[in-house]
C-alpha atoms as a PDB file:
ATOM      1  CA  MET A   1       6.587  -6.875  49.607  1.00  0.00           C
ATOM      2  CA  LYS A   2       3.039  -8.219  49.138  1.00  0.00           C
ATOM      3  CA  TRP A   3       1.824  -4.648  48.505  1.00  0.00           C
ATOM      4  CA  ILE A   4       4.504  -4.133  45.876  1.00  0.00           C
ATOM      5  CA  ILE A   5       3.587  -7.392  44.116  1.00  0.00           C
ATOM      6  CA  GLN A   6      -0.107  -6.468  44.156  1.00  0.00           C
ATOM      7  CA  ASN A   7       0.638  -3.073  42.658  1.00  0.00           C
ATOM      8  CA  ILE A   8       2.852  -4.593  39.953  1.00  0.00           C
ATOM      9  CA  TRP A   9       0.045  -7.045  39.138  1.00  0.00           C
ATOM     10  CA  HIS A  10      -2.500  -4.223  39.019  1.00  0.00           C
ATOM     11  CA  ILE A  11      -0.315  -2.098  36.722  1.00  0.00           C
ATOM     12  CA  THR A  12       0.320  -5.114  34.484  1.00  0.00           C
ATOM     13  CA  GLN A  13      -3.414  -5.765  34.170  1.00  0.00           C
ATOM     14  CA  GLN A  14      -3.990  -2.119  33.243  1.00  0.00           C
ATOM     15  CA  ILE A  15      -1.330  -2.353  30.518  1.00  0.00           C
ATOM     16  CA  ILE A  16      -2.867  -5.565  29.167  1.00  0.00           C
ATOM     17  CA  LEU A  17      -6.311  -3.949  29.163  1.00  0.00           C
ATOM     18  CA  LYS A  18      -4.997  -0.945  27.251  1.00  0.00           C
ATOM     19  CA  LEU A  19      -3.293  -3.198  24.719  1.00  0.00           C
ATOM     20  CA  GLN A  20      -6.488  -5.190  24.262  1.00  0.00           C
ATOM     21  CA  THR A  21      -8.410  -1.955  23.803  1.00  0.00           C
ATOM     22  CA  VAL A  22      -5.961  -0.854  21.124  1.00  0.00           C
ATOM     23  CA  ILE A  23      -6.439  -4.175  19.301  1.00  0.00           C
ATOM     24  CA  ILE A  24     -10.234  -3.884  19.520  1.00  0.00           C
ATOM     25  CA  ASP A  25     -10.159  -0.275  18.346  1.00  0.00           C
ATOM     26  CA  ALA A  26      -7.874  -1.231  15.454  1.00  0.00           C
ATOM     27  CA  MET A  27     -10.250  -3.995  14.377  1.00  0.00           C
ATOM     28  CA  HIS A  28     -13.209  -1.599  14.508  1.00  0.00           C
ATOM     29  CA  SER A  29     -11.692   1.640  13.299  1.00  0.00           C
ATOM     30  CA  LYS A  30     -13.218   4.861  14.578  1.00  0.00           C
ATOM     31  CA  ILE A  31     -11.806   6.620  11.530  1.00  0.00           C
ATOM     32  CA  ALA A  32     -13.476   4.206   9.134  1.00  0.00           C
ATOM     33  CA  GLU A  33     -16.778   4.654  10.943  1.00  0.00           C
ATOM     34  CA  ALA A  34     -16.549   8.449  10.901  1.00  0.00           C
ATOM     35  CA  LEU A  35     -15.611   8.445   7.218  1.00  0.00           C
ATOM     36  CA  ASN A  36     -18.583   6.234   6.370  1.00  0.00           C
ATOM     37  CA  LEU A  37     -16.269   4.065   4.275  1.00  0.00           C
ATOM     38  CA  ARG A  38     -17.774   1.578   1.867  1.00  0.00           C
ATOM     39  CA  ASN A  39     -14.442  -0.272   1.746  1.00  0.00           C
ATOM     40  CA  GLU A  40     -12.850  -2.099   4.663  1.00  0.00           C
ATOM     41  CA  PRO A  41      -9.431  -0.730   5.710  1.00  0.00           C
ATOM     42  CA  VAL A  42      -6.687  -3.224   4.913  1.00  0.00           C
ATOM     43  CA  ALA A  43      -3.810  -4.157   7.217  1.00  0.00           C
ATOM     44  CA  ILE A  44      -0.480  -5.059   5.618  1.00  0.00           C
ATOM     45  CA  LEU A  45       1.500  -7.606   7.604  1.00  0.00           C
ATOM     46  CA  TRP A  46       4.874  -9.326   7.370  1.00  0.00           C
ATOM     47  CA  THR A  47       4.577 -12.944   8.447  1.00  0.00           C
ATOM     48  CA  ASN A  48       6.115 -16.374   8.027  1.00  0.00           C
ATOM     49  CA  GLU A  49       2.722 -18.075   8.029  1.00  0.00           C
ATOM     50  CA  LYS A  50       0.381 -17.965   5.054  1.00  0.00           C
ATOM     51  CA  PRO A  51      -3.225 -17.387   6.136  1.00  0.00           C
ATOM     52  CA  GLU A  52      -5.484 -20.294   5.310  1.00  0.00           C
ATOM     53  CA  GLY A  53      -7.477 -19.720   2.137  1.00  0.00           C
ATOM     54  CA  ALA A  54      -5.555 -16.573   1.167  1.00  0.00           C
ATOM     55  CA  LEU A  55      -5.818 -15.289  -2.390  1.00  0.00           C
ATOM     56  CA  GLY A  56      -2.600 -15.008  -4.365  1.00  0.00           C
ATOM     57  CA  PHE A  57      -0.855 -15.133  -7.723  1.00  0.00           C
ATOM     58  CA  LYS A  58       0.953 -18.125  -9.133  1.00  0.00           C
ATOM     59  CA  GLY A  59       4.446 -17.221 -10.222  1.00  0.00           C
ATOM     60  CA  ARG A  60       5.895 -13.947 -11.433  1.00  0.00           C
ATOM     61  CA  GLY A  61       5.245 -11.697 -14.390  1.00  0.00           C
ATOM     62  CA  ALA A  62       1.484 -11.107 -14.438  1.00  0.00           C
ATOM     63  CA  GLY A  63      -1.102  -9.799 -12.010  1.00  0.00           C
ATOM     64  CA  CYS A  64      -1.582  -6.497 -10.188  1.00  0.00           C
ATOM     65  CA  ALA A  65      -1.211  -6.450  -6.405  1.00  0.00           C
ATOM     66  CA  LEU A  66      -3.746  -3.622  -6.215  1.00  0.00           C
ATOM     67  CA  VAL A  67      -6.427  -5.974  -7.505  1.00  0.00           C
ATOM     68  CA  LEU A  68      -5.869  -8.164  -4.448  1.00  0.00           C
ATOM     69  CA  LEU A  69      -5.873  -5.080  -2.224  1.00  0.00           C
ATOM     70  CA  ALA A  70      -9.281  -4.331  -3.719  1.00  0.00           C
ATOM     71  CA  GLN A  71     -10.411  -7.868  -2.918  1.00  0.00           C
ATOM     72  CA  ALA A  72      -9.332  -7.393   0.695  1.00  0.00           C
ATOM     73  CA  ALA A  73     -11.049  -4.001   0.916  1.00  0.00           C
ATOM     74  CA  LEU A  74     -14.231  -4.754  -0.979  1.00  0.00           C
ATOM     75  CA  ARG A  75     -14.712  -8.495  -0.857  1.00  0.00           C
ATOM     76  CA  LYS A  76     -13.300  -9.015   2.634  1.00  0.00           C
ATOM     77  CA  ARG A  77     -10.713 -11.555   1.438  1.00  0.00           C
ATOM     78  CA  THR A  78      -7.139 -11.952   2.687  1.00  0.00           C
ATOM     79  CA  ALA A  79      -4.287 -12.098   0.129  1.00  0.00           C
ATOM     80  CA  ALA A  80      -0.700 -13.319   0.490  1.00  0.00           C
ATOM     81  CA  PHE A  81       2.466 -12.835  -1.578  1.00  0.00           C
ATOM     82  CA  ASP A  82       5.929 -14.388  -1.407  1.00  0.00           C
ATOM     83  CA  ARG A  83       9.179 -14.088  -3.354  1.00  0.00           C
ATOM     84  CA  GLU A  84       8.116 -16.594  -5.989  1.00  0.00           C
ATOM     85  CA  ASN A  85       4.455 -15.613  -6.281  1.00  0.00           C
ATOM     86  CA  PHE A  86       3.724 -11.906  -6.470  1.00  0.00           C
ATOM     87  CA  GLY A  87       2.360 -10.996  -9.909  1.00  0.00           C
ATOM     88  CA  CYS A  88       4.117  -8.350 -11.990  1.00  0.00           C
ATOM     89  CA  MET A  89       7.771  -7.442 -11.446  1.00  0.00           C
ATOM     90  CA  GLY A  90       6.773  -4.003 -10.223  1.00  0.00           C
ATOM     91  CA  ALA A  91       4.718  -5.640  -7.481  1.00  0.00           C
ATOM     92  CA  GLY A  92       7.702  -7.752  -6.441  1.00  0.00           C
ATOM     93  CA  THR A  93       9.599  -4.535  -5.806  1.00  0.00           C
ATOM     94  CA  GLY A  94       6.612  -2.690  -4.386  1.00  0.00           C
ATOM     95  CA  LEU A  95       5.725  -5.372  -1.860  1.00  0.00           C
ATOM     96  CA  GLY A  96       9.276  -5.506  -0.517  1.00  0.00           C
ATOM     97  CA  PHE A  97      10.943  -8.419  -2.302  1.00  0.00           C
ATOM     98  CA  GLY A  98      13.968  -6.523  -3.602  1.00  0.00           C
ATOM     99  CA  LEU A  99      14.569  -4.792  -6.942  1.00  0.00           C
ATOM    100  CA  GLN A 100      12.728  -7.150  -9.277  1.00  0.00           C
ATOM    101  CA  GLN A 101      13.376  -4.983 -12.341  1.00  0.00           C
ATOM    102  CA  ASP A 102      16.606  -6.952 -12.673  1.00  0.00           C
ATOM    103  CA  ASN A 103      14.349  -9.850 -13.744  1.00  0.00           C
ATOM    104  CA  PHE A 104      12.248  -7.796 -16.177  1.00  0.00           C
ATOM    105  CA  PRO A 105      11.398  -9.558 -19.493  1.00  0.00           C
ATOM    106  CA  LEU A 106      13.571  -8.989 -22.590  1.00  0.00           C
ATOM    107  CA  GLY A 107      16.601  -7.584 -20.845  1.00  0.00           C
ATOM    108  CA  GLY A 108      16.069  -6.848 -17.174  1.00  0.00           C
ATOM    109  CA  PHE A 109      16.888  -3.446 -15.690  1.00  0.00           C
ATOM    110  CA  GLU A 110      18.007  -1.841 -18.973  1.00  0.00           C
ATOM    111  CA  THR A 111      14.847  -2.864 -20.835  1.00  0.00           C
ATOM    112  CA  PHE A 112      12.669  -1.644 -17.979  1.00  0.00           C
ATOM    113  CA  LYS A 113      14.158   1.843 -18.317  1.00  0.00           C
ATOM    114  CA  TYR A 114      12.873   1.984 -21.913  1.00  0.00           C
ATOM    115  CA  PHE A 115       9.573   0.306 -21.008  1.00  0.00           C
ATOM    116  CA  LEU A 116       8.697   3.051 -18.503  1.00  0.00           C
ATOM    117  CA  SER A 117       9.817   5.884 -20.776  1.00  0.00           C
ATOM    118  CA  THR A 118      10.444   6.009 -24.552  1.00  0.00           C
ATOM    119  CA  GLY A 119      10.116   2.381 -25.592  1.00  0.00           C
ATOM    120  CA  LEU A 120      12.592   0.225 -27.516  1.00  0.00           C
ATOM    121  CA  GLU A 121      11.838   1.414 -31.037  1.00  0.00           C
ATOM    122  CA  GLY A 122      14.457   3.713 -32.547  1.00  0.00           C
ATOM    123  CA  GLN A 123      16.946   2.974 -29.794  1.00  0.00           C
ATOM    124  CA  GLY A 124      19.249   0.661 -31.750  1.00  0.00           C
ATOM    125  CA  LYS A 125      17.840  -2.410 -30.039  1.00  0.00           C
ATOM    126  CA  ASP A 126      16.455  -4.208 -33.081  1.00  0.00           C
ATOM    127  CA  ASP A 127      16.734  -7.696 -31.583  1.00  0.00           C
ATOM    128  CA  LEU A 128      14.618  -6.709 -28.612  1.00  0.00           C
ATOM    129  CA  VAL A 129      12.152  -4.872 -30.868  1.00  0.00           C
ATOM    130  CA  GLU A 130      11.554  -8.048 -32.853  1.00  0.00           C
ATOM    131  CA  LYS A 131      10.979 -10.038 -29.674  1.00  0.00           C
ATOM    132  CA  ALA A 132       8.598  -7.372 -28.341  1.00  0.00           C
ATOM    133  CA  LYS A 133       6.526  -7.530 -31.547  1.00  0.00           C
ATOM    134  CA  LYS A 134       5.711 -11.157 -30.720  1.00  0.00           C
ATOM    135  CA  LEU A 135       4.270 -10.430 -27.295  1.00  0.00           C
ATOM    136  CA  GLY A 136       0.671 -11.464 -26.690  1.00  0.00           C
ATOM    137  CA  SER A 137      -1.422  -8.349 -26.058  1.00  0.00           C
ATOM    138  CA  SER A 138      -1.453  -5.173 -28.138  1.00  0.00           C
ATOM    139  CA  GLU A 139      -1.120  -3.043 -24.990  1.00  0.00           C
ATOM    140  CA  MET A 140       1.971  -4.932 -23.850  1.00  0.00           C
ATOM    141  CA  ARG A 141       3.526  -4.644 -27.311  1.00  0.00           C
ATOM    142  CA  GLU A 142       2.857  -0.902 -27.288  1.00  0.00           C
ATOM    143  CA  ASN A 143       4.415  -0.522 -23.844  1.00  0.00           C
ATOM    144  CA  PHE A 144       7.607  -2.261 -24.931  1.00  0.00           C
ATOM    145  CA  LEU A 145       7.834  -0.589 -28.336  1.00  0.00           C
ATOM    146  CA  LYS A 146       6.546   2.935 -27.602  1.00  0.00           C
ATOM    147  CA  GLY A 147       7.028   2.998 -23.832  1.00  0.00           C
ATOM    148  CA  GLU A 148       4.521   3.743 -21.087  1.00  0.00           C
ATOM    149  CA  GLY A 149       5.597   7.385 -21.090  1.00  0.00           C
ATOM    150  CA  TYR A 150       5.730   7.764 -17.310  1.00  0.00           C
ATOM    151  CA  LYS A 151       9.251   9.239 -17.516  1.00  0.00           C
ATOM    152  CA  LYS A 152      10.711  11.339 -20.334  1.00  0.00           C
ATOM    153  CA  THR A 153      13.995   9.447 -20.701  1.00  0.00           C
ATOM    154  CA  PRO A 154      15.485   6.076 -19.720  1.00  0.00           C
ATOM    155  CA  ASP A 155      18.031   7.916 -17.571  1.00  0.00           C
ATOM    156  CA  LEU A 156      15.215   9.451 -15.532  1.00  0.00           C
ATOM    157  CA  VAL A 157      13.811   5.962 -14.992  1.00  0.00           C
ATOM    158  CA  GLY A 158      17.210   4.915 -13.661  1.00  0.00           C
ATOM    159  CA  ASN A 159      17.121   7.855 -11.265  1.00  0.00           C
ATOM    160  CA  PHE A 160      13.579   6.919 -10.220  1.00  0.00           C
ATOM    161  CA  LEU A 161      14.653   3.369  -9.389  1.00  0.00           C
ATOM    162  CA  LYS A 162      17.566   4.664  -7.308  1.00  0.00           C
ATOM    163  CA  GLU A 163      15.116   6.782  -5.306  1.00  0.00           C
ATOM    164  CA  LEU A 164      12.800   3.861  -4.533  1.00  0.00           C
ATOM    165  CA  PRO A 165      13.042   2.646  -0.931  1.00  0.00           C
ATOM    166  CA  THR A 166      13.824  -0.894  -2.104  1.00  0.00           C
ATOM    167  CA  ILE A 167      13.908  -3.410   0.747  1.00  0.00           C
ATOM    168  CA  GLU A 168      13.880  -7.132   1.439  1.00  0.00           C
ATOM    169  CA  VAL A 169      11.130  -7.829   3.957  1.00  0.00           C
ATOM    170  CA  PRO A 170      12.406 -10.066   6.766  1.00  0.00           C
ATOM    171  CA  THR A 171       9.585 -12.614   6.448  1.00  0.00           C
ATOM    172  CA  LYS A 172       8.363 -15.117   3.866  1.00  0.00           C
ATOM    173  CA  TYR A 173       5.000 -13.477   3.202  1.00  0.00           C
ATOM    174  CA  VAL A 174       3.469 -10.051   2.782  1.00  0.00           C
ATOM    175  CA  VAL A 175      -0.233 -10.254   3.608  1.00  0.00           C
ATOM    176  CA  PHE A 176      -3.190  -7.974   2.859  1.00  0.00           C
ATOM    177  CA  LYS A 177      -5.830  -8.573   5.526  1.00  0.00           C
ATOM    178  CA  PRO A 178      -9.133  -6.796   6.219  1.00  0.00           C
ATOM    179  CA  LEU A 179      -8.593  -4.733   9.355  1.00  0.00           C
ATOM    180  CA  ARG A 180     -11.610  -6.171  11.130  1.00  0.00           C
ATOM    181  CA  ASP A 181     -10.159  -9.672  10.719  1.00  0.00           C
ATOM    182  CA  LEU A 182      -6.967  -8.924  12.642  1.00  0.00           C
ATOM    183  CA  GLU A 183      -6.150 -11.412  15.374  1.00  0.00           C
ATOM    184  CA  GLU A 184      -4.377 -10.671  18.633  1.00  0.00           C
ATOM    185  CA  GLN A 185      -1.031 -12.013  17.390  1.00  0.00           C
ATOM    186  CA  ASP A 186      -1.126  -9.920  14.187  1.00  0.00           C
ATOM    187  CA  GLU A 187       1.300  -7.006  14.037  1.00  0.00           C
ATOM    188  CA  PRO A 188       0.451  -4.735  11.085  1.00  0.00           C
ATOM    189  CA  ILE A 189       3.137  -2.656   9.434  1.00  0.00           C
ATOM    190  CA  VAL A 190       0.717  -0.412   7.534  1.00  0.00           C
ATOM    191  CA  VAL A 191      -3.025   0.248   7.385  1.00  0.00           C
ATOM    192  CA  VAL A 192      -4.467   1.241   3.995  1.00  0.00           C
ATOM    193  CA  PHE A 193      -7.710   3.128   3.487  1.00  0.00           C
ATOM    194  CA  VAL A 194      -9.391   3.037   0.073  1.00  0.00           C
ATOM    195  CA  ALA A 195     -11.366   6.260   0.015  1.00  0.00           C
ATOM    196  CA  ASN A 196     -13.135   8.743  -2.227  1.00  0.00           C
ATOM    197  CA  SER A 197     -12.133  12.382  -2.611  1.00  0.00           C
ATOM    198  CA  ASP A 198     -14.203  13.662   0.331  1.00  0.00           C
ATOM    199  CA  GLN A 199     -12.835  10.939   2.585  1.00  0.00           C
ATOM    200  CA  ILE A 200      -9.273  11.603   1.421  1.00  0.00           C
ATOM    201  CA  SER A 201      -9.736  15.260   2.380  1.00  0.00           C
ATOM    202  CA  ALA A 202     -10.679  14.123   5.882  1.00  0.00           C
ATOM    203  CA  LEU A 203      -7.731  11.735   6.138  1.00  0.00           C
ATOM    204  CA  VAL A 204      -5.302  14.479   5.088  1.00  0.00           C
ATOM    205  CA  GLY A 205      -6.816  16.786   7.683  1.00  0.00           C
ATOM    206  CA  LEU A 206      -6.638  14.154  10.426  1.00  0.00           C
ATOM    207  CA  ALA A 207      -3.011  13.324   9.553  1.00  0.00           C
ATOM    208  CA  ASN A 208      -2.165  16.977  10.235  1.00  0.00           C
ATOM    209  CA  TYR A 209      -4.506  17.447  13.220  1.00  0.00           C
ATOM    210  CA  ASP A 210      -2.087  16.567  16.029  1.00  0.00           C
ATOM    211  CA  ARG A 211       1.197  17.385  14.311  1.00  0.00           C
ATOM    212  CA  PRO A 212       3.108  20.602  13.690  1.00  0.00           C
ATOM    213  CA  GLY A 213       3.853  21.469  10.092  1.00  0.00           C
ATOM    214  CA  ILE A 214       1.863  21.093   6.896  1.00  0.00           C
ATOM    215  CA  GLU A 215       3.563  18.127   5.200  1.00  0.00           C
ATOM    216  CA  ASN A 216       2.398  15.157   7.216  1.00  0.00           C
ATOM    217  CA  VAL A 217       1.145  13.430   4.068  1.00  0.00           C
ATOM    218  CA  VAL A 218       3.377  12.621   1.083  1.00  0.00           C
ATOM    219  CA  THR A 219       2.607  11.551  -2.488  1.00  0.00           C
ATOM    220  CA  PRO A 220       5.731   9.967  -3.975  1.00  0.00           C
ATOM    221  CA  MET A 221       5.587   8.914  -7.609  1.00  0.00           C
ATOM    222  CA  GLY A 222       5.427   5.206  -8.147  1.00  0.00           C
ATOM    223  CA  ALA A 223       3.285   2.209  -8.895  1.00  0.00           C
ATOM    224  CA  GLY A 224       0.170   1.730  -6.804  1.00  0.00           C
ATOM    225  CA  CYS A 225       1.835  -1.077  -4.847  1.00  0.00           C
ATOM    226  CA  HIS A 226       4.896   1.091  -4.143  1.00  0.00           C
ATOM    227  CA  GLN A 227       2.696   3.697  -2.498  1.00  0.00           C
ATOM    228  CA  ILE A 228       0.908   1.308  -0.135  1.00  0.00           C
ATOM    229  CA  CYS A 229       3.943  -0.813   0.724  1.00  0.00           C
ATOM    230  CA  ILE A 230       7.582   0.252   0.312  1.00  0.00           C
ATOM    231  CA  ASP A 231       6.850   3.987   0.523  1.00  0.00           C
ATOM    232  CA  ALA A 232       4.812   3.394   3.679  1.00  0.00           C
ATOM    233  CA  TYR A 233       7.435   0.973   5.064  1.00  0.00           C
ATOM    234  CA  ARG A 234      10.000   3.751   4.751  1.00  0.00           C
ATOM    235  CA  GLU A 235       7.734   6.127   6.628  1.00  0.00           C
ATOM    236  CA  ALA A 236       7.223   3.516   9.352  1.00  0.00           C
ATOM    237  CA  GLU A 237      10.956   3.724  10.110  1.00  0.00           C
ATOM    238  CA  ARG A 238      10.795   7.465  10.788  1.00  0.00           C
ATOM    239  CA  ASP A 239      10.432   8.918  14.283  1.00  0.00           C
ATOM    240  CA  ASN A 240       7.386  10.827  13.029  1.00  0.00           C
ATOM    241  CA  PRO A 241       5.959   8.728  10.197  1.00  0.00           C
ATOM    242  CA  ARG A 242       3.816  10.376   7.554  1.00  0.00           C
ATOM    243  CA  ALA A 243       0.859   8.981   5.649  1.00  0.00           C
ATOM    244  CA  VAL A 244       1.213   8.178   1.936  1.00  0.00           C
ATOM    245  CA  LEU A 245      -1.455   9.221  -0.550  1.00  0.00           C
ATOM    246  CA  GLY A 246      -1.506   6.777  -3.447  1.00  0.00           C
ATOM    247  CA  LEU A 247      -3.256   5.147  -6.370  1.00  0.00           C
ATOM    248  CA  THR A 248      -1.994   7.973  -8.579  1.00  0.00           C
ATOM    249  CA  ASP A 249      -0.632   5.373 -11.028  1.00  0.00           C
ATOM    250  CA  PRO A 250      -2.900   5.258 -14.136  1.00  0.00           C
ATOM    251  CA  SER A 251      -2.004   1.620 -14.790  1.00  0.00           C
ATOM    252  CA  ALA A 252      -3.095   0.570 -11.299  1.00  0.00           C
ATOM    253  CA  ARG A 253      -6.229   2.709 -11.524  1.00  0.00           C
ATOM    254  CA  LYS A 254      -7.185   0.939 -14.734  1.00  0.00           C
ATOM    255  CA  ASN A 255      -6.723  -2.441 -13.068  1.00  0.00           C
ATOM    256  CA  VAL A 256      -8.852  -1.711  -9.987  1.00  0.00           C
ATOM    257  CA  ARG A 257     -11.577   0.373 -11.619  1.00  0.00           C
ATOM    258  CA  PRO A 258     -13.859  -2.642 -12.268  1.00  0.00           C
ATOM    259  CA  LEU A 259     -13.787  -3.425  -8.544  1.00  0.00           C
ATOM    260  CA  LEU A 260     -13.453  -0.052  -6.833  1.00  0.00           C
ATOM    261  CA  GLY A 261     -14.803   2.458  -9.334  1.00  0.00           C
ATOM    262  CA  SER A 262     -13.134   5.589 -10.641  1.00  0.00           C
ATOM    263  CA  ASP A 263     -13.395   7.863  -7.605  1.00  0.00           C
ATOM    264  CA  VAL A 264     -10.954   6.373  -5.078  1.00  0.00           C
ATOM    265  CA  PHE A 265      -7.374   6.756  -3.889  1.00  0.00           C
ATOM    266  CA  THR A 266      -5.327   4.871  -1.311  1.00  0.00           C
ATOM    267  CA  PHE A 267      -4.144   6.366   1.952  1.00  0.00           C
ATOM    268  CA  ALA A 268      -1.452   4.242   3.595  1.00  0.00           C
ATOM    269  CA  ILE A 269      -0.636   4.899   7.247  1.00  0.00           C
ATOM    270  CA  PRO A 270       2.204   3.265   9.204  1.00  0.00           C
ATOM    271  CA  TYR A 271       0.549   1.344  12.030  1.00  0.00           C
ATOM    272  CA  LYS A 272       2.075   3.447  14.797  1.00  0.00           C
ATOM    273  CA  ARG A 273       0.682   6.572  13.160  1.00  0.00           C
ATOM    274  CA  PHE A 274      -2.671   4.905  12.524  1.00  0.00           C
ATOM    275  CA  LEU A 275      -3.114   4.297  16.263  1.00  0.00           C
ATOM    276  CA  GLU A 276      -2.294   7.943  16.999  1.00  0.00           C
ATOM    277  CA  MET A 277      -4.847   9.107  14.446  1.00  0.00           C
ATOM    278  CA  GLU A 278      -7.448   6.698  15.830  1.00  0.00           C
ATOM    279  CA  ALA A 279      -6.995   8.261  19.254  1.00  0.00           C
ATOM    280  CA  CYS A 280      -7.734  11.699  17.787  1.00  0.00           C
ATOM    281  CA  ALA A 281     -10.816  10.770  15.766  1.00  0.00           C
ATOM    282  CA  ASP A 282     -13.493  11.533  18.370  1.00  0.00           C
ATOM    283  CA  GLU A 283     -12.169  14.962  19.346  1.00  0.00           C
ATOM    284  CA  SER A 284     -11.308  16.182  15.839  1.00  0.00           C
ATOM    285  CA  PHE A 285     -13.378  17.810  13.096  1.00  0.00           C
ATOM    286  CA  LEU A 286     -14.734  14.333  12.282  1.00  0.00           C
ATOM    287  CA  SER A 287     -17.263  14.894  15.081  1.00  0.00           C
ATOM    288  CA  ARG A 288     -18.370  18.297  13.775  1.00  0.00           C
ATOM    289  CA  SER A 289     -21.271  19.210  11.524  1.00  0.00           C
ATOM    290  CA  THR A 290     -19.174  20.227   8.490  1.00  0.00           C
ATOM    291  CA  TRP A 291     -17.664  16.784   8.105  1.00  0.00           C
ATOM    292  CA  LYS A 292     -20.860  14.951   9.062  1.00  0.00           C
ATOM    293  CA  SER A 293     -22.766  16.743   6.326  1.00  0.00           C
ATOM    294  CA  LEU A 294     -20.176  15.536   3.786  1.00  0.00           C
ATOM    295  CA  ALA A 295     -20.084  12.009   5.150  1.00  0.00           C
ATOM    296  CA  GLU A 296     -23.839  11.635   4.892  1.00  0.00           C
ATOM    297  CA  GLN A 297     -23.973  12.508   1.177  1.00  0.00           C
END
């Protein structure tokens, strides 16, 4: 019996050691080191505790979540969002706080369909047109009146919203935290890399390195926050989660350009998949001369 207990203890200690190694490796990413990233990878967490000193927006309606992702990646600051404080309505949906387009200004869901497509002008919605003309910024007025032009028709916007993996996260907060600042109790849902075109090429290659098939990375249309959060959350639920290439939203790119420059995209990886890719980093092409010559430039 004593021998059995000793063996159980020994096995338990080995498991704990492996778990601690995983945490350490996650905090000091081999992938990030091999990519020669200038931006810190960002962990996205669901939690009921707001990190002390976290950045955040006050209220709803204004503010881009990608700007706070940039702060976490570039400035090494943690950010937190909740159901009452998340910035723009698109971010409320993108972060995982339900379909916030129902609360969109000047008419909710129906107005949003025109906002993303053709605009309100010429649509027999004169009362809303007059209200839109009184909005503060010229860009916002144009978006309401002429539309952002991201979909051809309002009906296609409706279809787009039906396709979104809208969820209600089970916690009070969604947190963006620099990966190196993770603590032992933290359980990331997603890890986001902010990377240039060469680095994205490496991430796509690594995401396909240990998997059959050629579609282990997806690029769903959506806002920048959709691509790092709800699209990646959906992948995290799959048996074989895929990475999500993002920051293809011109509006988000405009917002983060002052912080991140014009040459980056996001690459969101469900945490389970991130750990698998980390384990492959040393043996993959990332250790070969072709990649190293690119990484050094």
